[in-house]
Amino acid sequence: MEIVSSFLELADDKRYIQELREIVMNDTFYQPTENMFTIVPGIKGGQQVAAMRGFEYVTKKSAGCGGSGVSPTFPAFSQTWNPTLQEVKIEYCYSDFEAAFVQWGLNNGYARKDLTGTELGVFLQDLVSKAMALDLQRIVLMADKDIAAQNILTDETAKVPFYNTIDKGLIPTLAYLKTLPEFADAFVALSKNTGAMISQLSLDDDYAVNLYESVTDDVYDFDPDTFLTSNRLFKNYQKWVKRANGFGLQSNVDLTQKGVKDLNIDGEKLMPIVHYDRWKRADFVTGTTPTIHLPHFALLTRKEYLQVGVDDVNSLTDIKLEYIGGSEENFWIKANYLLDFKMTNPYAMKAAL
């Protein structure tokens, strides 16, 4: 197959570009992102997002004429959408692009001689959609525009551009809220987020179950429907559940062999973010005695308050395939979209960080 001509045909095929856009949008913004967050299309910069906490103690025995009134304060937390342009520029020289395509073909059961423009189109879809979907989750979880000043990345020079793309993702937002006195009661201690890495990753058998129970205790002000957690905590709890069923029982043998997929704690379904731990190990280890920045977290809230804002009308309409000849013969895949994240009601959460 002549790769260059097939690539150029796809680049000029409006129907293929539209299909590529739709596939990437679905994989990036909806699956599995929508399982953890609420996608909010059409956000505008400067648009206010405000949350107000309810109050009580307004009813007293009547004092008759002239009785004094009460003037309760309205605890409120205000934010504004600030979408920033996310830019994707994937570049391959000819030899690297060809090698990646051939390897993809072999992995999917195609002999090199059988690869055609049709397979090239599917390869490009896989390449773009999977990478962008993982990037979106990582940005929404961990990005912070001020990350360069925090000395928490393993390789500041290489990784800052991939983590400073929006104001604050979920974890930086929680870290900020944890510093505010009005949210002090919304956080429980997570001892394994400090110390040396070897200690951080060594969890007692009942560590996660005790932590999760602390998070679910004393939740009165909201009705949660989402319990997000780092993967190592989830695995620790998963092992505890299997042990709790009793060694030697057939049910425990079945759970060990088949795995425990859907887990609940105090009636709340746990949702592990599988890649969280991988990103932390890869990008957030620092110090001569290695330590990981916030390797664990747990968050009980409502999904409707974890909002990923995108510009739905213009999102990904600019996907382009470009080939530039010359000595290296470079293939380019380009896309961009606006993105922001907001935890719109921080009064409705309980967390460990």
Protein backbone atom coordinates (compact mmCIF):
# COMPACT_ATOMS: atom_id res chain seq x y z
CA MET A 1 0.00 0.00 0.00
CA GLU A 2 1.20 3.51 -0.82
CA ILE A 3 0.82 5.22 2.56
CA VAL A 4 1.24 8.83 1.44
CA SER A 5 -1.44 8.72 -1.27
CA SER A 6 -3.87 6.86 1.02
CA PHE A 7 -3.26 9.39 3.81
CA LEU A 8 -3.86 12.32 1.43
CA GLU A 9 -7.08 10.73 0.17
CA LEU A 10 -8.36 10.47 3.74
CA ALA A 11 -7.31 14.06 4.45
CA ASP A 12 -9.49 15.25 1.55
CA ASP A 13 -12.41 12.95 2.31
CA LYS A 14 -14.97 15.17 4.07
CA ARG A 15 -17.12 12.21 5.06
CA TYR A 16 -14.18 10.42 6.68
CA ILE A 17 -13.12 13.58 8.57
CA GLN A 18 -16.70 14.01 9.84
CA GLU A 19 -16.82 10.38 10.97
CA LEU A 20 -13.41 10.77 12.62
CA ARG A 21 -14.65 13.87 14.44
CA GLU A 22 -17.77 12.06 15.70
CA ILE A 23 -15.79 9.02 16.87
CA VAL A 24 -13.23 11.16 18.67
CA MET A 25 -15.95 13.29 20.29
CA ASN A 26 -17.79 10.20 21.51
CA ASP A 27 -14.68 8.48 22.85
CA THR A 28 -13.18 11.65 24.35
CA PHE A 29 -16.15 13.48 25.83
CA TYR A 30 -18.63 10.70 26.53
CA GLN A 31 -17.10 7.25 27.01
CA PRO A 32 -15.94 6.69 29.70
CA THR A 33 -15.57 10.32 30.80
CA GLU A 34 -19.33 10.72 31.15
CA ASN A 35 -19.39 7.86 33.68
CA MET A 36 -17.37 10.01 36.09
CA PHE A 37 -18.22 13.59 35.13
CA THR A 38 -21.07 15.61 33.68
CA ILE A 39 -20.35 17.04 30.23
CA VAL A 40 -21.61 20.62 29.90
CA PRO A 41 -21.65 21.91 26.31
CA GLY A 42 -21.67 25.52 25.21
CA ILE A 43 -19.84 27.09 28.16
CA LYS A 44 -18.78 30.73 27.89
CA GLY A 45 -15.74 32.38 29.46
CA GLY A 46 -16.70 34.55 32.43
CA GLN A 47 -20.03 32.77 32.97
CA GLN A 48 -20.62 32.52 36.72
CA VAL A 49 -21.04 29.23 38.56
CA ALA A 50 -22.31 29.78 42.09
CA ALA A 51 -23.26 27.37 44.87
CA MET A 52 -25.19 28.26 48.02
CA ARG A 53 -25.43 26.24 51.18
CA GLY A 54 -28.72 26.02 52.99
CA PHE A 55 -29.25 27.33 56.52
CA GLU A 56 -31.44 26.52 59.52
CA TYR A 57 -32.30 27.85 63.00
CA VAL A 58 -34.89 30.35 61.84
CA THR A 59 -37.84 29.17 63.96
CA LYS A 60 -38.42 30.37 67.53
CA LYS A 61 -41.29 30.65 69.97
CA SER A 62 -43.29 33.77 69.25
CA ALA A 63 -42.30 36.71 71.42
CA GLY A 64 -45.43 38.62 70.56
CA CYS A 65 -45.36 42.18 69.20
CA GLY A 66 -41.90 43.56 68.66
CA GLY A 67 -40.10 40.26 68.61
CA SER A 68 -36.70 40.41 66.90
CA GLY A 69 -36.01 38.59 63.64
CA VAL A 70 -33.03 36.53 62.51
CA SER A 71 -30.84 37.31 59.54
CA PRO A 72 -29.02 34.12 58.57
CA THR A 73 -26.02 34.38 56.31
CA PHE A 74 -25.90 32.58 53.00
CA PRO A 75 -22.71 30.50 52.75
CA ALA A 76 -21.82 30.73 49.08
CA PHE A 77 -18.99 29.75 46.77
CA SER A 78 -18.63 31.43 43.40
CA GLN A 79 -16.53 30.50 40.36
CA THR A 80 -16.46 31.44 36.69
CA TRP A 81 -15.94 29.31 33.62
CA ASN A 82 -12.58 29.96 31.99
CA PRO A 83 -12.31 27.59 29.01
CA THR A 84 -8.88 27.39 27.43
CA LEU A 85 -7.93 26.07 24.03
CA GLN A 86 -6.55 22.53 24.08
CA GLU A 87 -4.36 21.79 21.10
CA VAL A 88 -3.46 18.38 19.70
CA LYS A 89 -0.53 18.10 17.31
CA ILE A 90 0.61 14.56 16.55
CA GLU A 91 3.64 14.38 14.24
CA TYR A 92 5.37 11.34 12.75
CA CYS A 93 8.13 11.05 10.21
CA TYR A 94 7.43 8.54 7.44
CA SER A 95 9.40 5.62 8.86
CA ASP A 96 7.90 5.94 12.36
CA PHE A 97 4.39 6.34 10.97
CA GLU A 98 4.76 3.31 8.73
CA ALA A 99 6.19 1.20 11.57
CA ALA A 100 3.33 2.17 13.89
CA PHE A 101 0.72 1.40 11.23
CA VAL A 102 2.23 -1.99 10.37
CA GLN A 103 2.46 -2.93 14.05
CA TRP A 104 -1.15 -1.91 14.58
CA GLY A 105 -2.11 -4.06 11.61
CA LEU A 106 -0.27 -7.10 12.95
CA ASN A 107 -1.86 -6.63 16.37
CA ASN A 108 -5.29 -6.60 14.69
CA GLY A 109 -4.73 -9.64 12.50
CA TYR A 110 -3.66 -7.99 9.22
CA ALA A 111 -0.64 -9.07 7.25
CA ARG A 112 1.38 -6.15 5.94
CA LYS A 113 0.45 -6.92 2.34
CA ASP A 114 -3.26 -6.76 3.21
CA LEU A 115 -3.20 -3.25 4.71
CA THR A 116 -5.21 -0.77 2.63
CA GLY A 117 -6.55 2.76 2.91
CA THR A 118 -9.54 1.38 4.83
CA GLU A 119 -7.28 -0.04 7.55
CA LEU A 120 -5.29 3.21 7.59
CA GLY A 121 -8.50 5.10 8.34
CA VAL A 122 -9.32 2.80 11.27
CA PHE A 123 -5.73 3.07 12.54
CA LEU A 124 -5.97 6.88 12.58
CA GLN A 125 -9.27 6.69 14.46
CA ASP A 126 -7.75 4.41 17.10
CA LEU A 127 -4.61 6.51 17.36
CA VAL A 128 -6.38 9.82 17.85
CA SER A 129 -9.44 8.84 19.91
CA LYS A 130 -7.63 6.72 22.52
CA ALA A 131 -4.87 9.28 23.07
CA MET A 132 -7.28 12.20 23.35
CA ALA A 133 -9.64 10.32 25.66
CA LEU A 134 -6.83 9.55 28.10
CA ASP A 135 -5.53 13.12 27.87
CA LEU A 136 -8.94 14.55 28.66
CA GLN A 137 -9.32 12.40 31.77
CA ARG A 138 -5.82 13.27 32.95
CA ILE A 139 -6.35 17.00 32.41
CA VAL A 140 -9.77 17.04 34.09
CA LEU A 141 -8.35 15.14 37.06
CA MET A 142 -4.91 16.69 37.56
CA ALA A 143 -4.27 19.83 35.52
CA ASP A 144 -3.36 23.06 37.31
CA LYS A 145 -2.30 26.27 35.58
CA ASP A 146 0.17 26.94 38.43
CA ILE A 147 1.74 23.48 38.49
CA ALA A 148 5.16 24.73 37.34
CA ALA A 149 5.67 26.52 40.66
CA GLN A 150 4.75 23.55 42.86
CA ASN A 151 7.77 21.24 42.29
CA ILE A 152 5.58 18.14 42.22
CA LEU A 153 6.37 16.77 38.74
CA THR A 154 9.11 14.24 38.10
CA ASP A 155 10.22 16.02 34.93
CA GLU A 156 9.13 19.65 35.07
CA THR A 157 10.49 20.59 31.65
CA ALA A 158 8.85 17.73 29.77
CA LYS A 159 5.54 17.42 31.61
CA VAL A 160 4.43 20.93 32.62
CA PRO A 161 2.93 21.64 29.14
CA PHE A 162 0.67 18.60 29.56
CA TYR A 163 -0.58 19.63 33.02
CA ASN A 164 -1.04 23.44 32.92
CA THR A 165 -3.79 23.50 30.30
CA ILE A 166 -6.78 24.53 32.51
CA ASP A 167 -7.18 26.45 35.77
CA LYS A 168 -7.68 23.49 38.10
CA GLY A 169 -8.77 19.90 37.59
CA LEU A 170 -10.55 17.83 40.24
CA ILE A 171 -7.57 16.96 42.47
CA PRO A 172 -6.10 20.52 42.55
CA THR A 173 -9.61 21.81 43.25
CA LEU A 174 -9.96 19.46 46.22
CA ALA A 175 -6.49 20.41 47.44
CA TYR A 176 -7.49 24.09 47.33
CA LEU A 177 -10.81 23.51 49.09
CA LYS A 178 -8.99 21.58 51.80
CA THR A 179 -7.09 24.78 52.71
CA LEU A 180 -10.32 26.76 53.30
CA PRO A 181 -11.70 26.70 56.87
CA GLU A 182 -15.33 26.53 55.70
CA PHE A 183 -14.67 23.12 54.12
CA ALA A 184 -12.61 21.64 56.96
CA ASP A 185 -15.40 19.25 57.99
CA ALA A 186 -15.70 17.93 54.43
CA PHE A 187 -12.29 16.21 54.54
CA VAL A 188 -11.06 13.18 56.46
CA ALA A 189 -7.42 12.32 57.08
CA LEU A 190 -5.56 10.25 54.50
CA SER A 191 -2.26 9.37 56.17
CA LYS A 192 -0.79 7.54 53.16
CA ASN A 193 -0.62 10.71 51.05
CA THR A 194 2.58 11.79 52.83
CA GLY A 195 5.91 10.16 53.56
CA ALA A 196 8.21 8.02 51.42
CA MET A 197 6.78 6.28 48.38
CA ILE A 198 7.44 2.81 49.75
CA SER A 199 5.31 3.67 52.78
CA GLN A 200 2.64 5.46 50.74
CA LEU A 201 2.03 2.36 48.65
CA SER A 202 2.03 -0.08 51.56
CA LEU A 203 -1.55 -0.30 52.83
CA ASP A 204 -2.79 -2.34 55.78
CA ASP A 205 -5.40 -4.94 54.89
CA ASP A 206 -8.24 -2.80 56.28
CA TYR A 207 -6.90 0.62 55.31
CA ALA A 208 -9.34 1.34 52.48
CA VAL A 209 -12.45 0.03 54.24
CA ASN A 210 -11.72 2.22 57.28
CA LEU A 211 -11.06 5.23 55.03
CA TYR A 212 -14.18 4.71 52.95
CA GLU A 213 -16.31 4.36 56.08
CA SER A 214 -14.88 7.64 57.38
CA VAL A 215 -15.86 9.33 54.12
CA THR A 216 -19.44 8.00 54.23
CA ASP A 217 -19.93 8.81 57.92
CA ASP A 218 -21.94 11.91 58.90
CA VAL A 219 -23.15 12.82 55.39
CA TYR A 220 -26.30 14.83 56.05
CA ASP A 221 -26.36 17.80 53.69
CA PHE A 222 -26.59 16.04 50.32
CA ASP A 223 -27.68 12.79 48.70
CA PRO A 224 -24.57 11.33 47.01
CA ASP A 225 -24.63 9.28 43.83
CA THR A 226 -20.91 9.12 42.95
CA PHE A 227 -17.97 7.72 44.91
CA LEU A 228 -14.71 8.18 42.98
CA THR A 229 -11.50 6.63 44.24
CA SER A 230 -7.91 6.00 43.27
CA ASN A 231 -7.28 2.49 42.05
CA ARG A 232 -4.90 1.26 44.78
CA LEU A 233 -7.44 2.09 47.47
CA PHE A 234 -10.11 0.27 45.47
CA LYS A 235 -7.88 -2.80 45.07
CA ASN A 236 -7.13 -2.78 48.80
CA TYR A 237 -10.85 -2.76 49.57
CA GLN A 238 -11.45 -5.41 46.93
CA LYS A 239 -9.00 -7.75 48.69
CA TRP A 240 -10.61 -6.99 52.05
CA VAL A 241 -14.03 -7.96 50.67
CA LYS A 242 -12.71 -11.30 49.43
CA ARG A 243 -11.08 -12.03 52.80
CA ALA A 244 -14.24 -11.02 54.63
CA ASN A 245 -16.15 -13.74 52.80
CA GLY A 246 -14.01 -16.32 54.54
CA PHE A 247 -11.12 -18.42 53.33
CA GLY A 248 -12.00 -21.79 51.83
CA LEU A 249 -15.58 -20.91 50.96
CA GLN A 250 -16.59 -21.57 47.36
CA SER A 251 -18.01 -18.06 47.06
CA ASN A 252 -14.62 -16.65 47.97
CA VAL A 253 -12.89 -18.95 45.47
CA ASP A 254 -15.28 -17.70 42.77
CA LEU A 255 -14.59 -14.07 43.66
CA THR A 256 -10.85 -14.70 43.56
CA GLN A 257 -11.02 -16.36 40.16
CA LYS A 258 -13.57 -14.07 38.50
CA GLY A 259 -12.72 -10.85 40.30
CA VAL A 260 -14.92 -8.47 42.26
CA LYS A 261 -16.18 -5.89 39.80
CA ASP A 262 -19.02 -3.92 41.38
CA LEU A 263 -18.20 -2.90 44.95
CA ASN A 264 -20.22 -0.80 47.38
CA ILE A 265 -19.49 0.73 50.74
CA ASP A 266 -22.40 1.70 52.97
CA GLY A 267 -24.68 1.52 49.94
CA GLU A 268 -22.50 3.73 47.73
CA LYS A 269 -21.05 2.21 44.56
CA LEU A 270 -17.30 2.74 44.22
CA MET A 271 -15.88 3.93 40.90
CA PRO A 272 -12.10 3.48 40.65
CA ILE A 273 -10.19 5.74 38.27
CA VAL A 274 -7.82 3.11 36.95
CA HIS A 275 -5.28 5.38 35.27
CA TYR A 276 -4.95 7.75 38.24
CA ASP A 277 -2.34 5.60 39.95
CA ARG A 278 -0.37 5.09 36.73
CA TRP A 279 -0.20 8.83 36.05
CA LYS A 280 0.88 9.53 39.63
CA ARG A 281 3.66 6.95 39.48
CA ALA A 282 4.82 8.15 36.07
CA ASP A 283 4.70 11.92 36.53
CA PHE A 284 4.47 12.89 40.22
CA VAL A 285 7.42 11.20 41.97
CA THR A 286 10.03 13.57 43.39
CA GLY A 287 12.84 13.72 45.97
CA THR A 288 16.02 11.82 46.74
CA THR A 289 13.85 9.66 48.97
CA PRO A 290 11.07 9.24 46.42
CA THR A 291 7.59 10.42 47.37
CA ILE A 292 4.41 10.59 45.28
CA HIS A 293 2.30 13.72 45.29
CA LEU A 294 -1.20 12.70 46.49
CA PRO A 295 -1.13 9.04 45.37
CA HIS A 296 -4.59 8.32 46.84
CA PHE A 297 -7.97 10.02 46.99
CA ALA A 298 -11.62 9.28 47.66
CA LEU A 299 -14.53 11.56 46.85
CA LEU A 300 -18.21 11.18 47.68
CA THR A 301 -20.44 13.66 45.86
CA ARG A 302 -23.01 13.97 43.07
CA LYS A 303 -21.90 13.56 39.47
CA GLU A 304 -23.92 16.60 38.39
CA TYR A 305 -21.50 18.78 40.38
CA LEU A 306 -18.38 17.46 38.60
CA GLN A 307 -18.70 19.42 35.38
CA VAL A 308 -16.50 19.25 32.30
CA GLY A 309 -17.22 22.29 30.17
CA VAL A 310 -16.69 22.13 26.40
CA ASP A 311 -17.64 24.30 23.43
CA ASP A 312 -19.98 21.78 21.86
CA VAL A 313 -20.66 23.71 18.66
CA ASN A 314 -17.03 24.05 17.69
CA SER A 315 -15.49 21.06 19.44
CA LEU A 316 -13.14 19.14 17.20
CA THR A 317 -14.44 20.66 13.97
CA ASP A 318 -10.85 21.51 13.19
CA ILE A 319 -9.53 17.94 12.99
CA LYS A 320 -7.05 17.91 10.13
CA LEU A 321 -4.74 15.43 8.49
CA GLU A 322 -1.70 17.01 6.87
CA TYR A 323 1.26 15.58 5.00
CA ILE A 324 4.39 17.67 4.51
CA GLY A 325 6.95 16.26 2.11
CA GLY A 326 10.67 16.84 2.14
CA SER A 327 13.54 14.87 3.55
CA GLU A 328 11.59 13.49 6.56
CA GLU A 329 8.09 13.31 5.03
CA ASN A 330 6.09 14.31 8.11
CA PHE A 331 2.51 13.22 8.82
CA TRP A 332 0.47 15.57 11.03
CA ILE A 333 -2.79 14.98 12.89
CA LYS A 334 -4.20 18.19 14.39
CA ALA A 335 -7.24 19.04 16.52
CA ASN A 336 -8.34 21.58 19.11
CA TYR A 337 -11.22 22.27 21.47
CA LEU A 338 -12.06 24.48 24.45
CA LEU A 339 -12.12 22.87 27.90
CA ASP A 340 -12.59 23.70 31.57
CA PHE A 341 -13.54 21.87 34.77
CA LYS A 342 -15.56 23.06 37.74
CA MET A 343 -16.75 21.39 40.91
CA THR A 344 -19.89 23.47 40.94
CA ASN A 345 -21.14 22.71 44.46
CA PRO A 346 -18.28 22.00 46.87
CA TYR A 347 -20.71 22.04 49.79
CA ALA A 348 -22.08 18.72 48.53
CA MET A 349 -19.05 16.49 49.01
CA LYS A 350 -17.02 14.49 51.48
CA ALA A 351 -13.45 13.63 50.57
CA ALA A 352 -10.13 12.13 51.63
CA LEU A 353 -7.00 13.66 50.14
